[in-house]
Amino acid sequence: MKLLKIKLPFLILISFFFFTLSDLFINCSYSQTSNDVMSDPAQKYEELFKLKTPENIENSIQPPSNDMAQIPEAMVVPEPEIMVAPEPEIIAQDNTKDLLPKLNPTLFNNWVLLNDTEIWTPEKDLPQFITHDKDVLKELGITKAIRQSYQNENSIVDIVIYRFMDFSGAYSAFTVLHNGGPTKLKVGKHASEDEKSVTFWKGNYFVDIHVSLQNDESAKGFVVLASQEVSKNILIEQLPPVVAIQFPALNRIQGSEKYCLGPLCCKKYFSSVLSEINYDEFELLDSGGVITAEYKFSNNSKETIILFLTRYIKKETAELIFNKLKTQFELRVTKAKEDKTNKDAKEMDIDIDLEDSTVKIKNKKNDFTMLKQKGNLLAIAYGITDRKNGEKILSLIPWPIEITKPTNSLTETNNTQNVNP
């Protein structure tokens, strides 16, 4: 009992000491944690702001770990394969065949297709239905030609459609390849007709519709109707090239016009009177083409003047060709006069007016050639027997108006004196 009394106070003292020490340890730990959280709010906000910047966000992105390699293969779900449909092959649509007439029974009674449509492109050899020079057609910019034949008992009609890169090639093809003379038929932009055919141009197309037999009235009726339908099916319309519009219409023989884009066409289809011209030197690739036609004046029925007109892209090119031709004509006259055997040499003469850019050559009695250049236009007139008619035909051309700034010598002198060194 005495021992119990001594131990009880001692146990109470030990317990008190133990709880006091535990409380002190807990307070110290709590104090340290509180100091970490509440130490400096401004500093904590700044640190938080820095953590949210794009740079830190980007830098905080961790690369994927290699733990995926440790995942069993059965647990990895493969991504579904995306099936992409192949792009359809682009096939160039050919609408040339769509221009052919539809065999409406009301208009084309008893007419049927004789065969399949024949198609030709420049990389192939010429077929039988094309009788024109392949190199000339390529110079004009041909891209395709088709032929469709139609039959009604013994009558056969061929429709041949030539397609060109642009309207100038189609217009040129019409002027050098058309059959017959002017027609009253309202087909195409320009058309011609004879007993067996109708030819016309419209847009980028030159169309030739002809019969195989002479004096076939039934077939010729089909030709007229077919030409009207083909013309209606060509929706694009174009005016002739600018140089053809600038060509004088007064006293011109209608249907005598011939328009070319390059030297090959000129050599083959232009008048033999112009054979002395070297078309390779005319820089026609730098022009809008060249056109010729025949002219007649009422005061001289025997005179047929051939006018040659070309329109260059630049004025300087026209001047260059003019000066080259002027020099050639001068040399020709000089050599002729030196040739004592030339009986016509006495009559030959040349008159050069540089101010008017005109050259008048007298080849012999009542035979003149005239040459004129102004701006980007260059004209040559051949076969002139009356000098006045030659001058008149050149005056009909709508020459460009060139405005030159007048010079004031006194002003220029004063300006020169006032210039500071």
Protein backbone atom coordinates (compact mmCIF):
# COMPACT_ATOMS: atom_id res chain seq x y z
CA MET A 1 0.00 0.00 0.00
CA LYS A 2 2.85 2.38 0.75
CA LEU A 3 4.65 1.42 -2.42
CA LEU A 4 1.46 2.11 -4.41
CA LYS A 5 1.21 5.60 -2.98
CA ILE A 6 4.76 6.42 -4.07
CA LYS A 7 4.40 5.09 -7.65
CA LEU A 8 1.10 6.80 -8.40
CA PRO A 9 2.43 10.40 -8.21
CA PHE A 10 5.47 9.34 -10.15
CA LEU A 11 3.34 7.87 -12.92
CA ILE A 12 1.24 11.00 -13.09
CA LEU A 13 4.36 13.15 -13.42
CA ILE A 14 5.79 10.96 -16.17
CA SER A 15 2.51 11.06 -18.09
CA PHE A 16 2.32 14.85 -17.84
CA PHE A 17 5.85 15.21 -19.11
CA PHE A 18 5.16 12.88 -22.04
CA PHE A 19 1.99 14.75 -23.14
CA THR A 20 3.76 18.10 -22.87
CA LEU A 21 6.63 16.92 -25.05
CA SER A 22 4.19 15.53 -27.69
CA ASP A 23 2.29 18.78 -27.81
CA LEU A 24 5.48 20.75 -28.29
CA PHE A 25 6.49 18.54 -31.21
CA ILE A 26 3.08 18.89 -32.88
CA ASN A 27 3.10 22.67 -32.50
CA CYS A 28 6.55 22.91 -34.04
CA SER A 29 5.46 20.83 -37.01
CA TYR A 30 2.28 22.89 -37.48
CA SER A 31 4.19 26.13 -37.20
CA GLN A 32 6.63 25.07 -39.95
CA THR A 33 3.78 24.04 -42.29
CA SER A 34 1.89 27.27 -41.67
CA ASN A 35 4.98 29.34 -42.41
CA ASP A 36 5.41 27.56 -45.77
CA VAL A 37 1.83 28.34 -46.84
CA MET A 38 1.44 31.86 -45.47
CA SER A 39 5.00 33.14 -45.80
CA ASP A 40 4.52 35.75 -48.71
CA PRO A 41 1.25 35.90 -50.73
CA ALA A 42 2.71 38.23 -53.38
CA GLN A 43 5.61 35.88 -53.94
CA LYS A 44 3.27 32.88 -54.15
CA TYR A 45 1.06 34.74 -56.74
CA GLU A 46 4.10 35.60 -58.81
CA GLU A 47 5.25 32.00 -58.71
CA LEU A 48 1.76 30.84 -59.69
CA PHE A 49 1.64 33.36 -62.58
CA LYS A 50 4.98 32.10 -63.84
CA LEU A 51 3.72 28.57 -63.79
CA LYS A 52 0.81 29.52 -66.10
CA THR A 53 2.86 31.20 -68.84
CA PRO A 54 2.82 29.45 -72.27
CA GLU A 55 6.56 28.84 -72.06
CA ASN A 56 6.28 27.09 -68.74
CA ILE A 57 3.21 25.18 -69.83
CA GLU A 58 5.06 24.02 -72.96
CA ASN A 59 8.15 23.14 -70.93
CA SER A 60 6.05 21.35 -68.38
CA ILE A 61 4.77 18.89 -70.98
CA GLN A 62 6.63 15.69 -70.43
CA PRO A 63 7.48 13.41 -73.33
CA PRO A 64 5.59 10.15 -73.38
CA SER A 65 7.23 7.57 -71.22
CA ASN A 66 8.43 4.25 -72.40
CA ASP A 67 6.01 2.53 -70.10
CA MET A 68 3.75 1.84 -73.09
CA ALA A 69 6.33 -0.62 -74.30
CA GLN A 70 5.73 -2.56 -71.08
CA ILE A 71 1.99 -2.82 -71.67
CA PRO A 72 1.06 -6.22 -72.99
CA GLU A 73 0.37 -6.26 -76.71
CA ALA A 74 -3.17 -7.47 -76.16
CA MET A 75 -3.96 -4.28 -74.18
CA VAL A 76 -2.85 -1.85 -76.96
CA VAL A 77 -5.86 -0.91 -79.09
CA PRO A 78 -4.76 -0.10 -82.66
CA GLU A 79 -6.17 3.04 -84.32
CA PRO A 80 -8.75 2.32 -86.99
CA GLU A 81 -7.38 2.61 -90.55
CA ILE A 82 -8.90 5.53 -92.46
CA MET A 83 -9.96 4.51 -95.95
CA VAL A 84 -9.40 7.32 -98.51
CA ALA A 85 -11.27 6.99 -101.79
CA PRO A 86 -9.00 7.39 -104.84
CA GLU A 87 -9.42 10.64 -106.76
CA PRO A 88 -11.34 10.15 -109.99
CA GLU A 89 -9.27 10.44 -113.15
CA ILE A 90 -9.85 13.76 -114.87
CA ILE A 91 -10.80 13.19 -118.48
CA ALA A 92 -10.74 16.16 -120.84
CA GLN A 93 -14.18 16.72 -122.27
CA ASP A 94 -14.32 17.10 -126.05
CA ASN A 95 -17.30 19.20 -127.07
CA THR A 96 -16.43 19.42 -130.78
CA LYS A 97 -18.68 16.47 -131.56
CA ASP A 98 -21.52 18.23 -129.77
CA LEU A 99 -21.52 20.85 -132.52
CA LEU A 100 -22.70 18.32 -135.09
CA PRO A 101 -26.38 18.46 -136.07
CA LYS A 102 -28.88 16.16 -134.40
CA LEU A 103 -30.81 14.18 -137.01
CA ASN A 104 -34.23 15.60 -136.30
CA PRO A 105 -36.68 13.65 -138.54
CA THR A 106 -38.56 16.84 -139.34
CA LEU A 107 -35.50 18.58 -140.76
CA PHE A 108 -33.32 15.67 -141.84
CA ASN A 109 -35.82 13.10 -143.04
CA ASN A 110 -34.22 9.81 -144.21
CA TRP A 111 -30.68 11.02 -143.41
CA VAL A 112 -28.54 8.66 -141.31
CA LEU A 113 -24.99 8.52 -139.98
CA LEU A 114 -22.72 6.81 -142.48
CA ASN A 115 -19.94 5.95 -140.01
CA ASP A 116 -18.40 6.88 -136.67
CA THR A 117 -16.96 10.33 -136.17
CA GLU A 118 -13.34 10.55 -137.32
CA ILE A 119 -11.08 12.58 -135.04
CA TRP A 120 -7.64 13.99 -135.89
CA THR A 121 -5.08 15.81 -133.72
CA PRO A 122 -1.82 17.47 -134.89
CA GLU A 123 0.51 14.77 -133.51
CA LYS A 124 -0.99 12.26 -135.97
CA ASP A 125 -0.49 11.88 -139.71
CA LEU A 126 -3.00 13.71 -141.85
CA PRO A 127 -6.11 11.65 -142.63
CA GLN A 128 -7.66 11.52 -146.09
CA PHE A 129 -10.39 14.00 -145.23
CA ILE A 130 -7.82 16.80 -144.65
CA THR A 131 -6.20 17.93 -147.91
CA HIS A 132 -4.57 21.09 -146.56
CA ASP A 133 -0.93 21.62 -145.59
CA LYS A 134 -0.27 20.25 -142.10
CA ASP A 135 2.51 22.76 -141.31
CA VAL A 136 0.27 25.68 -142.25
CA LEU A 137 -2.53 24.33 -140.05
CA LYS A 138 -0.09 24.00 -137.15
CA GLU A 139 1.11 27.58 -137.76
CA LEU A 140 -2.52 28.69 -137.45
CA GLY A 141 -2.79 26.87 -134.12
CA ILE A 142 -5.03 23.93 -134.98
CA THR A 143 -5.85 21.64 -132.05
CA LYS A 144 -8.33 19.17 -133.56
CA ALA A 145 -10.38 18.29 -136.62
CA ILE A 146 -13.34 15.95 -136.93
CA ARG A 147 -15.37 14.56 -139.81
CA GLN A 148 -18.86 13.13 -139.74
CA SER A 149 -20.47 11.66 -142.87
CA TYR A 150 -24.22 11.47 -143.50
CA GLN A 151 -26.12 9.49 -146.14
CA ASN A 152 -29.51 9.53 -147.79
CA GLU A 153 -29.68 6.81 -150.45
CA ASN A 154 -26.94 7.85 -152.93
CA SER A 155 -26.35 11.28 -151.43
CA ILE A 156 -23.43 11.75 -149.06
CA VAL A 157 -22.53 14.88 -147.10
CA ASP A 158 -19.35 15.42 -145.08
CA ILE A 159 -19.13 17.88 -142.20
CA VAL A 160 -15.55 18.77 -141.28
CA ILE A 161 -14.99 20.98 -138.23
CA TYR A 162 -11.53 22.44 -137.51
CA ARG A 163 -10.87 23.72 -133.98
CA PHE A 164 -8.08 26.26 -133.33
CA MET A 165 -6.42 27.69 -130.25
CA ASP A 166 -8.11 31.06 -130.79
CA PHE A 167 -10.37 32.91 -133.19
CA SER A 168 -7.51 34.42 -135.23
CA GLY A 169 -6.43 30.96 -136.43
CA ALA A 170 -10.02 30.05 -137.32
CA TYR A 171 -10.50 33.35 -139.19
CA SER A 172 -7.24 32.81 -141.07
CA ALA A 173 -8.28 29.28 -142.03
CA PHE A 174 -11.55 30.60 -143.42
CA THR A 175 -9.88 33.29 -145.53
CA VAL A 176 -7.37 30.92 -147.16
CA LEU A 177 -9.38 27.66 -147.26
CA HIS A 178 -12.99 28.67 -147.95
CA ASN A 179 -14.83 27.58 -151.09
CA GLY A 180 -16.98 29.74 -153.35
CA GLY A 181 -17.95 33.33 -152.82
CA PRO A 182 -20.01 35.43 -150.41
CA THR A 183 -23.39 34.00 -149.39
CA LYS A 184 -26.66 35.35 -148.05
CA LEU A 185 -26.87 32.48 -145.57
CA LYS A 186 -26.84 33.73 -141.99
CA VAL A 187 -24.31 31.27 -140.65
CA GLY A 188 -21.13 31.94 -138.73
CA LYS A 189 -19.42 35.31 -138.58
CA HIS A 190 -18.28 35.10 -142.20
CA ALA A 191 -19.46 32.50 -144.71
CA SER A 192 -19.05 31.49 -148.34
CA GLU A 193 -20.98 29.18 -150.64
CA ASP A 194 -20.80 27.39 -153.96
CA GLU A 195 -22.84 24.64 -155.64
CA LYS A 196 -21.36 21.89 -153.50
CA SER A 197 -20.46 23.45 -150.17
CA VAL A 198 -20.91 25.98 -147.42
CA THR A 199 -17.90 27.13 -145.38
CA PHE A 200 -17.86 29.56 -142.46
CA TRP A 201 -15.96 30.55 -139.31
CA LYS A 202 -17.28 31.34 -135.86
CA GLY A 203 -15.40 31.57 -132.58
CA ASN A 204 -12.47 29.13 -132.65
CA TYR A 205 -13.97 26.97 -135.40
CA PHE A 206 -13.72 26.78 -139.18
CA VAL A 207 -16.49 24.62 -140.67
CA ASP A 208 -16.56 22.99 -144.12
CA ILE A 209 -19.78 21.21 -145.18
CA HIS A 210 -19.80 19.75 -148.69
CA VAL A 211 -21.47 17.13 -150.87
CA SER A 212 -19.75 14.37 -152.81
CA LEU A 213 -21.79 14.64 -156.03
CA GLN A 214 -22.31 17.57 -158.35
CA ASN A 215 -25.84 19.02 -158.75
CA ASP A 216 -27.26 17.03 -155.84
CA GLU A 217 -30.17 19.25 -154.75
CA SER A 218 -31.26 16.98 -151.91
CA ALA A 219 -27.76 16.92 -150.46
CA LYS A 220 -27.33 20.68 -150.90
CA GLY A 221 -30.53 21.21 -148.89
CA PHE A 222 -29.02 19.12 -146.11
CA VAL A 223 -25.83 21.23 -146.32
CA VAL A 224 -27.78 24.46 -145.79
CA LEU A 225 -29.78 23.11 -142.84
CA ALA A 226 -26.72 21.49 -141.25
CA SER A 227 -24.67 24.69 -141.55
CA GLN A 228 -27.39 26.62 -139.72
CA GLU A 229 -27.55 24.09 -136.89
CA VAL A 230 -23.76 23.84 -136.47
CA SER A 231 -23.52 27.63 -136.43
CA LYS A 232 -26.25 27.78 -133.77
CA ASN A 233 -24.40 25.21 -131.65
CA ILE A 234 -21.22 27.35 -131.60
CA LEU A 235 -22.07 29.75 -128.81
CA ILE A 236 -18.89 31.85 -128.81
CA GLU A 237 -18.75 34.79 -131.21
CA GLN A 238 -15.73 36.92 -132.02
CA LEU A 239 -15.01 39.89 -134.23
CA PRO A 240 -12.26 39.48 -136.83
CA PRO A 241 -8.69 40.39 -135.76
CA VAL A 242 -8.00 44.10 -135.33
CA VAL A 243 -5.89 44.39 -138.49
CA ALA A 244 -8.78 42.97 -140.52
CA ILE A 245 -11.12 45.57 -139.03
CA GLN A 246 -8.62 48.34 -139.90
CA PHE A 247 -8.47 47.12 -143.51
CA PRO A 248 -10.17 49.62 -145.88
CA ALA A 249 -13.57 48.39 -147.10
CA LEU A 250 -14.11 50.95 -149.86
CA ASN A 251 -13.37 49.58 -153.37
CA ARG A 252 -12.36 46.20 -151.92
CA ILE A 253 -13.31 43.06 -153.84
CA GLN A 254 -15.39 41.10 -151.34
CA GLY A 255 -14.07 37.59 -150.73
CA SER A 256 -10.52 38.39 -151.85
CA GLU A 257 -9.27 38.86 -148.28
CA LYS A 258 -6.56 36.51 -147.06
CA TYR A 259 -5.22 36.68 -143.52
CA CYS A 260 -2.13 34.84 -142.26
CA LEU A 261 -0.34 34.55 -138.93
CA GLY A 262 3.08 33.42 -140.15
CA PRO A 263 5.41 33.08 -143.15
CA LEU A 264 4.30 29.56 -144.18
CA CYS A 265 0.72 30.68 -144.75
CA CYS A 266 1.87 33.82 -146.61
CA LYS A 267 4.12 31.89 -148.99
CA LYS A 268 1.41 29.36 -149.84
CA TYR A 269 -1.70 31.50 -150.16
CA PHE A 270 -0.74 35.08 -150.92
CA SER A 271 -0.77 36.40 -154.48
CA SER A 272 2.19 35.59 -156.71
CA VAL A 273 2.54 39.36 -157.21
CA LEU A 274 3.88 39.46 -153.64
CA SER A 275 6.38 36.65 -154.25
CA GLU A 276 9.31 39.07 -154.11
CA ILE A 277 8.63 39.69 -150.43
CA ASN A 278 10.72 37.66 -148.02
CA TYR A 279 8.15 36.88 -145.33
CA ASP A 280 10.79 35.32 -143.09
CA GLU A 281 12.17 38.84 -142.54
CA PHE A 282 8.82 40.37 -141.63
CA GLU A 283 8.91 39.47 -137.92
CA LEU A 284 5.32 38.25 -138.20
CA LEU A 285 5.53 36.47 -134.86
CA ASP A 286 5.71 39.96 -133.30
CA SER A 287 2.58 41.08 -135.11
CA GLY A 288 -1.16 40.55 -135.04
CA GLY A 289 -1.02 38.92 -138.45
CA VAL A 290 -0.99 40.22 -142.01
CA ILE A 291 -3.93 40.65 -144.38
CA THR A 292 -4.16 41.25 -148.13
CA ALA A 293 -7.04 41.93 -150.51
CA GLU A 294 -7.70 43.15 -154.03
CA TYR A 295 -9.09 46.61 -154.85
CA LYS A 296 -10.62 48.09 -157.96
CA PHE A 297 -11.45 51.69 -158.82
CA SER A 298 -14.20 52.66 -161.20
CA ASN A 299 -11.95 54.98 -163.21
CA ASN A 300 -9.68 52.09 -164.22
CA SER A 301 -11.34 48.69 -164.62
CA LYS A 302 -8.10 47.04 -165.76
CA GLU A 303 -6.24 48.01 -162.59
CA THR A 304 -6.27 45.59 -159.66
CA ILE A 305 -4.35 46.86 -156.66
CA ILE A 306 -3.20 44.39 -154.01
CA LEU A 307 -2.96 45.92 -150.55
CA PHE A 308 -0.81 44.31 -147.88
CA LEU A 309 -1.33 45.45 -144.26
CA THR A 310 0.26 44.20 -141.05
CA ARG A 311 -0.15 45.41 -137.49
CA TYR A 312 2.81 44.96 -135.17
CA ILE A 313 2.72 44.78 -131.42
CA LYS A 314 5.32 47.55 -131.12
CA LYS A 315 5.89 50.65 -133.20
CA GLU A 316 9.65 50.01 -133.19
CA THR A 317 9.19 46.71 -135.04
CA ALA A 318 7.13 48.40 -137.77
CA GLU A 319 9.83 51.06 -138.17
CA LEU A 320 12.54 48.39 -138.38
CA ILE A 321 10.76 46.49 -141.18
CA PHE A 322 9.94 49.72 -143.02
CA ASN A 323 13.58 50.82 -143.05
CA LYS A 324 14.67 47.35 -144.15
CA LEU A 325 12.24 47.35 -147.09
CA LYS A 326 13.19 50.92 -148.02
CA THR A 327 16.84 49.89 -148.24
CA GLN A 328 15.97 46.84 -150.35
CA PHE A 329 13.94 48.91 -152.83
CA GLU A 330 16.76 51.48 -153.08
CA LEU A 331 19.30 48.76 -153.89
CA ARG A 332 17.00 47.20 -156.45
CA VAL A 333 16.53 50.50 -158.30
CA THR A 334 20.27 51.22 -158.14
CA LYS A 335 21.22 47.81 -159.55
CA ALA A 336 18.61 48.08 -162.29
CA LYS A 337 19.98 51.42 -163.44
CA GLU A 338 23.50 49.99 -163.48
CA ASP A 339 22.35 47.15 -165.73
CA LYS A 340 22.61 48.53 -169.23
CA THR A 341 20.70 45.58 -170.66
CA ASN A 342 17.60 46.46 -168.63
CA LYS A 343 15.33 48.39 -170.96
CA ASP A 344 12.99 49.42 -168.17
CA ALA A 345 15.81 50.87 -166.07
CA LYS A 346 15.30 54.32 -167.56
CA GLU A 347 11.75 54.39 -166.28
CA MET A 348 12.63 53.22 -162.78
CA ASP A 349 12.67 55.75 -160.00
CA ILE A 350 12.18 55.94 -156.25
CA ASP A 351 10.69 58.77 -154.21
CA ILE A 352 11.26 58.67 -150.45
CA ASP A 353 9.36 60.95 -148.10
CA LEU A 354 10.82 60.34 -144.65
CA GLU A 355 8.59 62.92 -142.99
CA ASP A 356 5.48 61.03 -144.13
CA SER A 357 7.23 57.62 -143.91
CA THR A 358 6.28 56.87 -147.49
CA VAL A 359 8.25 55.25 -150.30
CA LYS A 360 6.96 55.38 -153.91
CA ILE A 361 8.69 53.18 -156.43
CA LYS A 362 8.18 53.48 -160.17
CA ASN A 363 9.02 50.03 -161.52
CA LYS A 364 8.32 50.97 -165.11
CA LYS A 365 5.82 53.02 -167.01
CA ASN A 366 2.37 52.78 -165.35
CA ASP A 367 3.60 50.34 -162.70
CA PHE A 368 4.04 51.59 -159.15
CA THR A 369 4.68 50.14 -155.72
CA MET A 370 4.00 52.18 -152.61
CA LEU A 371 5.13 51.59 -149.04
CA LYS A 372 3.97 53.44 -145.92
CA GLN A 373 4.48 53.06 -142.16
CA LYS A 374 2.94 54.94 -139.28
CA GLY A 375 2.80 53.87 -135.66
CA ASN A 376 2.56 50.08 -135.52
CA LEU A 377 0.98 49.74 -139.00
CA LEU A 378 2.88 48.90 -142.18
CA ALA A 379 1.26 48.85 -145.64
CA ILE A 380 2.46 47.92 -149.12
CA ALA A 381 0.41 48.49 -152.30
CA TYR A 382 1.26 46.57 -155.49
CA GLY A 383 -0.05 46.61 -159.05
CA ILE A 384 -0.75 50.35 -159.13
CA THR A 385 -1.12 51.73 -162.66
CA ASP A 386 -2.52 55.11 -161.65
CA ARG A 387 -0.37 56.91 -159.10
CA LYS A 388 -3.37 58.77 -157.67
CA ASN A 389 -5.23 55.52 -156.99
CA GLY A 390 -2.24 54.23 -155.07
CA GLU A 391 -2.13 57.35 -152.93
CA LYS A 392 -5.88 57.14 -152.39
CA ILE A 393 -5.85 53.54 -151.18
CA LEU A 394 -3.11 54.31 -148.66
CA SER A 395 -5.11 57.27 -147.40
CA LEU A 396 -8.09 54.97 -146.66
CA ILE A 397 -6.14 53.15 -143.94
CA PRO A 398 -6.97 54.45 -140.42
CA TRP A 399 -3.39 55.33 -139.51
CA PRO A 400 -2.59 55.90 -135.82
CA ILE A 401 -2.50 59.54 -134.78
CA GLU A 402 0.95 60.34 -133.45
CA ILE A 403 1.14 63.42 -131.23
CA THR A 404 4.60 64.89 -130.82
CA LYS A 405 5.24 67.46 -128.13
CA PRO A 406 6.32 70.78 -129.71
CA THR A 407 9.74 72.00 -128.71
CA ASN A 408 10.45 75.56 -127.64
CA SER A 409 14.08 76.38 -128.27
CA LEU A 410 13.97 79.53 -126.12
CA THR A 411 12.49 77.66 -123.16
CA GLU A 412 14.97 74.84 -123.58
CA THR A 413 17.83 77.39 -123.64
CA ASN A 414 16.58 79.09 -120.48
CA ASN A 415 16.12 75.74 -118.76
CA THR A 416 19.63 74.77 -119.75
CA GLN A 417 21.01 78.01 -118.37
CA ASN A 418 19.16 77.59 -115.08
CA VAL A 419 20.48 74.13 -114.46
CA ASN A 420 22.80 74.12 -111.48
CA PRO A 421 26.08 72.24 -111.91
